[in-house]
Amino acid sequence: MTTPWLNRNVQRRMLEAMAAAYPDRTNIEPDEYPEVDLIDLSRNLCYLWDSGLCMVREAETLRSQYRADFSWPVITNKGLDFLQDDGGLSAILNVVTVRFEADTLRALIAAKIDASSEPEEKKAKAKGVLSTLREEGLKQLTNKAVGEGLSSLPHIADWVISAI
């Protein structure tokens, strides 16, 4: 199902108008959006509000009757970040750090060693070296393993897309 009334150009222009007035509220003048009728303009403003990109004064009227009170919408911090090419503060504040415990890394690498087709004596020697590595050595080994693994993927973009 498509929603022909969704208009990204109109949405962006409304957000930009709100951003220009920030932190104050602004007026959205329907006459400045002749490519959409009043109902579709209201729907697009409602969509921005539902997405958390702006706040409106008469939310219930907007929701129930698609008749927005176009005076006084204000852009939210999420809306400002949306307009930034770099993702804004949300991109900085929402960084996800993945940490593995040393024992978990050792277990993952040891399992890969066990699953390899190497001779048993070579596997035993490798696991012995692995068990004696301190955290810094394990970190270096892990970084090298990740680098080697990534460089052995001939079509990494395809792999990333299909991996999820």
C-alpha atoms as a PDB file:
ATOM      1  CA  MET A   1       0.000   0.000   0.000  1.00  0.00           C
ATOM      2  CA  THR A   2       1.324   3.411  -0.891  1.00  0.00           C
ATOM      3  CA  THR A   3       0.499   6.645   0.823  1.00  0.00           C
ATOM      4  CA  PRO A   4       0.412   9.222  -1.972  1.00  0.00           C
ATOM      5  CA  TRP A   5      -0.144  12.084   0.446  1.00  0.00           C
ATOM      6  CA  LEU A   6       3.263  11.592   2.088  1.00  0.00           C
ATOM      7  CA  ASN A   7       5.429  14.329   0.641  1.00  0.00           C
ATOM      8  CA  ARG A   8       9.080  14.351   1.758  1.00  0.00           C
ATOM      9  CA  ASN A   9       9.717  17.718   0.140  1.00  0.00           C
ATOM     10  CA  VAL A  10       6.840  19.311   2.063  1.00  0.00           C
ATOM     11  CA  GLN A  11       7.941  17.628   5.281  1.00  0.00           C
ATOM     12  CA  ARG A  12      11.518  18.872   4.890  1.00  0.00           C
ATOM     13  CA  ARG A  13      10.345  22.408   4.133  1.00  0.00           C
ATOM     14  CA  MET A  14       8.101  22.417   7.201  1.00  0.00           C
ATOM     15  CA  LEU A  15      10.968  21.174   9.381  1.00  0.00           C
ATOM     16  CA  GLU A  16      13.333  23.758   7.910  1.00  0.00           C
ATOM     17  CA  ALA A  17      10.818  26.528   8.654  1.00  0.00           C
ATOM     18  CA  MET A  18      10.543  25.299  12.227  1.00  0.00           C
ATOM     19  CA  ALA A  19      14.330  25.016  12.533  1.00  0.00           C
ATOM     20  CA  ALA A  20      14.775  28.606  11.343  1.00  0.00           C
ATOM     21  CA  ALA A  21      12.542  29.788  14.196  1.00  0.00           C
ATOM     22  CA  TYR A  22      13.997  27.475  16.851  1.00  0.00           C
ATOM     23  CA  PRO A  23      13.707  27.645  19.844  1.00  0.00           C
ATOM     24  CA  ASP A  24      10.566  29.650  19.170  1.00  0.00           C
ATOM     25  CA  ARG A  25       7.446  28.278  17.611  1.00  0.00           C
ATOM     26  CA  THR A  26       6.536  29.283  14.075  1.00  0.00           C
ATOM     27  CA  ASN A  27       3.585  29.381  11.733  1.00  0.00           C
ATOM     28  CA  ILE A  28       3.165  26.956   8.875  1.00  0.00           C
ATOM     29  CA  GLU A  29       1.395  28.916   6.148  1.00  0.00           C
ATOM     30  CA  PRO A  30      -0.661  26.567   3.935  1.00  0.00           C
ATOM     31  CA  ASP A  31      -0.292  29.028   1.034  1.00  0.00           C
ATOM     32  CA  GLU A  32       3.443  28.257   0.952  1.00  0.00           C
ATOM     33  CA  TYR A  33       2.682  24.610   0.078  1.00  0.00           C
ATOM     34  CA  PRO A  34       0.473  24.856  -3.044  1.00  0.00           C
ATOM     35  CA  GLU A  35       1.449  21.347  -4.185  1.00  0.00           C
ATOM     36  CA  VAL A  36      -0.683  19.766  -1.426  1.00  0.00           C
ATOM     37  CA  ASP A  37      -4.174  20.448  -0.208  1.00  0.00           C
ATOM     38  CA  LEU A  38      -4.957  21.386   3.378  1.00  0.00           C
ATOM     39  CA  ILE A  39      -5.816  17.831   4.428  1.00  0.00           C
ATOM     40  CA  ASP A  40      -2.570  16.413   3.042  1.00  0.00           C
ATOM     41  CA  LEU A  41      -0.587  19.239   4.607  1.00  0.00           C
ATOM     42  CA  SER A  42      -2.191  18.347   7.938  1.00  0.00           C
ATOM     43  CA  ARG A  43      -1.401  14.671   7.402  1.00  0.00           C
ATOM     44  CA  ASN A  44       2.253  15.463   6.736  1.00  0.00           C
ATOM     45  CA  LEU A  45       2.463  17.618   9.861  1.00  0.00           C
ATOM     46  CA  CYS A  46       0.784  14.822  11.839  1.00  0.00           C
ATOM     47  CA  TYR A  47       3.343  12.377  10.436  1.00  0.00           C
ATOM     48  CA  LEU A  48       6.203  14.632  11.601  1.00  0.00           C
ATOM     49  CA  TRP A  49       4.564  14.895  15.012  1.00  0.00           C
ATOM     50  CA  ASP A  50       4.030  11.115  15.264  1.00  0.00           C
ATOM     51  CA  SER A  51       7.702  10.645  14.338  1.00  0.00           C
ATOM     52  CA  GLY A  52       8.774  12.918  17.206  1.00  0.00           C
ATOM     53  CA  LEU A  53      10.287  15.497  14.855  1.00  0.00           C
ATOM     54  CA  CYS A  54       8.019  18.344  15.972  1.00  0.00           C
ATOM     55  CA  MET A  55       5.395  19.276  18.524  1.00  0.00           C
ATOM     56  CA  VAL A  56       2.069  20.868  17.687  1.00  0.00           C
ATOM     57  CA  ARG A  57      -0.336  22.881  19.803  1.00  0.00           C
ATOM     58  CA  GLU A  58      -3.542  21.077  18.983  1.00  0.00           C
ATOM     59  CA  ALA A  59      -2.436  17.476  18.794  1.00  0.00           C
ATOM     60  CA  GLU A  60      -5.846  15.887  19.323  1.00  0.00           C
ATOM     61  CA  THR A  61      -7.477  18.045  16.663  1.00  0.00           C
ATOM     62  CA  LEU A  62      -4.629  17.179  14.327  1.00  0.00           C
ATOM     63  CA  ARG A  63      -5.009  13.481  15.031  1.00  0.00           C
ATOM     64  CA  SER A  64      -8.754  13.096  14.910  1.00  0.00           C
ATOM     65  CA  GLN A  65      -9.795  15.474  12.143  1.00  0.00           C
ATOM     66  CA  TYR A  66      -6.650  16.020  10.059  1.00  0.00           C
ATOM     67  CA  ARG A  67      -7.133  19.717  10.657  1.00  0.00           C
ATOM     68  CA  ALA A  68      -3.933  21.023  12.067  1.00  0.00           C
ATOM     69  CA  ASP A  69      -3.644  24.269  13.853  1.00  0.00           C
ATOM     70  CA  PHE A  70      -0.713  25.329  11.716  1.00  0.00           C
ATOM     71  CA  SER A  71       0.245  28.062  14.113  1.00  0.00           C
ATOM     72  CA  TRP A  72       2.819  27.296  16.730  1.00  0.00           C
ATOM     73  CA  PRO A  73       4.494  24.043  15.718  1.00  0.00           C
ATOM     74  CA  VAL A  74       8.026  23.726  17.080  1.00  0.00           C
ATOM     75  CA  ILE A  75      10.813  21.438  15.946  1.00  0.00           C
ATOM     76  CA  THR A  76      12.172  18.978  18.506  1.00  0.00           C
ATOM     77  CA  ASN A  77      15.811  18.061  19.106  1.00  0.00           C
ATOM     78  CA  LYS A  78      15.120  14.894  17.135  1.00  0.00           C
ATOM     79  CA  GLY A  79      13.856  17.010  14.226  1.00  0.00           C
ATOM     80  CA  LEU A  80      16.945  19.217  14.333  1.00  0.00           C
ATOM     81  CA  ASP A  81      19.197  16.157  14.347  1.00  0.00           C
ATOM     82  CA  PHE A  82      17.237  14.724  11.416  1.00  0.00           C
ATOM     83  CA  LEU A  83      18.068  17.807   9.348  1.00  0.00           C
ATOM     84  CA  GLN A  84      21.808  17.538  10.058  1.00  0.00           C
ATOM     85  CA  ASP A  85      23.954  15.737   7.517  1.00  0.00           C
ATOM     86  CA  ASP A  86      25.948  14.171  10.359  1.00  0.00           C
ATOM     87  CA  GLY A  87      22.972  12.883  12.324  1.00  0.00           C
ATOM     88  CA  GLY A  88      23.409  15.573  14.978  1.00  0.00           C
ATOM     89  CA  LEU A  89      23.920  14.843  18.650  1.00  0.00           C
ATOM     90  CA  SER A  90      21.831  11.680  18.393  1.00  0.00           C
ATOM     91  CA  ALA A  91      24.571  10.110  16.279  1.00  0.00           C
ATOM     92  CA  ILE A  92      27.107  10.974  18.965  1.00  0.00           C
ATOM     93  CA  LEU A  93      25.003  10.094  22.002  1.00  0.00           C
ATOM     94  CA  ASN A  94      23.600   6.846  20.608  1.00  0.00           C
ATOM     95  CA  VAL A  95      26.924   5.149  19.912  1.00  0.00           C
ATOM     96  CA  VAL A  96      26.811   1.467  20.746  1.00  0.00           C
ATOM     97  CA  THR A  97      29.945  -0.113  22.148  1.00  0.00           C
ATOM     98  CA  VAL A  98      30.291  -3.873  21.934  1.00  0.00           C
ATOM     99  CA  ARG A  99      32.636  -5.429  24.462  1.00  0.00           C
ATOM    100  CA  PHE A 100      33.750  -9.016  24.726  1.00  0.00           C
ATOM    101  CA  GLU A 101      35.245 -10.442  27.879  1.00  0.00           C
ATOM    102  CA  ALA A 102      38.695 -11.979  27.447  1.00  0.00           C
ATOM    103  CA  ASP A 103      37.343 -15.438  28.302  1.00  0.00           C
ATOM    104  CA  THR A 104      34.608 -15.117  25.689  1.00  0.00           C
ATOM    105  CA  LEU A 105      37.144 -14.151  23.011  1.00  0.00           C
ATOM    106  CA  ARG A 106      39.393 -17.040  23.986  1.00  0.00           C
ATOM    107  CA  ALA A 107      36.451 -19.441  23.774  1.00  0.00           C
ATOM    108  CA  LEU A 108      35.402 -18.138  20.348  1.00  0.00           C
ATOM    109  CA  ILE A 109      38.921 -18.413  18.950  1.00  0.00           C
ATOM    110  CA  ALA A 110      39.475 -21.827  20.548  1.00  0.00           C
ATOM    111  CA  ALA A 111      36.223 -23.097  19.019  1.00  0.00           C
ATOM    112  CA  LYS A 112      37.380 -21.899  15.609  1.00  0.00           C
ATOM    113  CA  ILE A 113      40.736 -23.634  16.135  1.00  0.00           C
ATOM    114  CA  ASP A 114      38.936 -26.868  17.091  1.00  0.00           C
ATOM    115  CA  ALA A 115      36.729 -26.648  13.995  1.00  0.00           C
ATOM    116  CA  SER A 116      39.707 -26.161  11.669  1.00  0.00           C
ATOM    117  CA  SER A 117      41.232 -28.937   9.587  1.00  0.00           C
ATOM    118  CA  GLU A 118      44.695 -28.404  11.108  1.00  0.00           C
ATOM    119  CA  PRO A 119      46.549 -31.379  12.639  1.00  0.00           C
ATOM    120  CA  GLU A 120      45.697 -32.020  16.291  1.00  0.00           C
ATOM    121  CA  GLU A 121      49.208 -31.167  17.547  1.00  0.00           C
ATOM    122  CA  LYS A 122      49.069 -27.781  15.795  1.00  0.00           C
ATOM    123  CA  LYS A 123      45.615 -27.132  17.290  1.00  0.00           C
ATOM    124  CA  ALA A 124      46.926 -27.973  20.762  1.00  0.00           C
ATOM    125  CA  LYS A 125      49.919 -25.656  20.330  1.00  0.00           C
ATOM    126  CA  ALA A 126      47.709 -22.779  19.092  1.00  0.00           C
ATOM    127  CA  LYS A 127      45.288 -23.206  21.992  1.00  0.00           C
ATOM    128  CA  GLY A 128      48.253 -23.278  24.393  1.00  0.00           C
ATOM    129  CA  VAL A 129      49.512 -19.959  23.007  1.00  0.00           C
ATOM    130  CA  LEU A 130      45.974 -18.567  23.174  1.00  0.00           C
ATOM    131  CA  SER A 131      45.587 -19.529  26.837  1.00  0.00           C
ATOM    132  CA  THR A 132      48.789 -17.720  27.821  1.00  0.00           C
ATOM    133  CA  LEU A 133      47.976 -14.427  26.095  1.00  0.00           C
ATOM    134  CA  ARG A 134      47.365 -11.497  28.388  1.00  0.00           C
ATOM    135  CA  GLU A 135      44.562  -9.079  27.576  1.00  0.00           C
ATOM    136  CA  GLU A 136      46.697  -6.758  25.416  1.00  0.00           C
ATOM    137  CA  GLY A 137      47.989  -9.671  23.347  1.00  0.00           C
ATOM    138  CA  LEU A 138      44.459 -11.033  23.020  1.00  0.00           C
ATOM    139  CA  LYS A 139      43.281  -7.593  21.892  1.00  0.00           C
ATOM    140  CA  GLN A 140      45.989  -7.465  19.195  1.00  0.00           C
ATOM    141  CA  LEU A 141      45.148 -11.013  18.074  1.00  0.00           C
ATOM    142  CA  THR A 142      41.439 -10.176  17.893  1.00  0.00           C
ATOM    143  CA  ASN A 143      42.050  -6.960  15.920  1.00  0.00           C
ATOM    144  CA  LYS A 144      44.253  -8.871  13.494  1.00  0.00           C
ATOM    145  CA  ALA A 145      41.682 -11.678  13.162  1.00  0.00           C
ATOM    146  CA  VAL A 146      38.900  -9.176  12.420  1.00  0.00           C
ATOM    147  CA  GLY A 147      41.098  -7.405   9.867  1.00  0.00           C
ATOM    148  CA  GLU A 148      42.053 -10.691   8.188  1.00  0.00           C
ATOM    149  CA  GLY A 149      38.458 -11.831   8.161  1.00  0.00           C
ATOM    150  CA  LEU A 150      37.214  -8.607   6.608  1.00  0.00           C
ATOM    151  CA  SER A 151      39.969  -8.571   4.001  1.00  0.00           C
ATOM    152  CA  SER A 152      39.065 -12.118   2.969  1.00  0.00           C
ATOM    153  CA  LEU A 153      35.538 -11.078   2.094  1.00  0.00           C
ATOM    154  CA  PRO A 154      35.723 -10.261  -1.626  1.00  0.00           C
ATOM    155  CA  HIS A 155      32.277  -8.678  -1.735  1.00  0.00           C
ATOM    156  CA  ILE A 156      32.012  -7.135   1.722  1.00  0.00           C
ATOM    157  CA  ALA A 157      29.099  -4.848   0.812  1.00  0.00           C
ATOM    158  CA  ASP A 158      27.033  -7.825  -0.359  1.00  0.00           C
ATOM    159  CA  TRP A 159      28.028  -9.761   2.767  1.00  0.00           C
ATOM    160  CA  VAL A 160      26.941  -6.927   5.087  1.00  0.00           C
ATOM    161  CA  ILE A 161      23.621  -6.546   3.285  1.00  0.00           C
ATOM    162  CA  SER A 162      22.836 -10.263   3.344  1.00  0.00           C
ATOM    163  CA  ALA A 163      24.150 -10.942   6.858  1.00  0.00           C
ATOM    164  CA  ILE A 164      21.152  -9.360   8.564  1.00  0.00           C
END
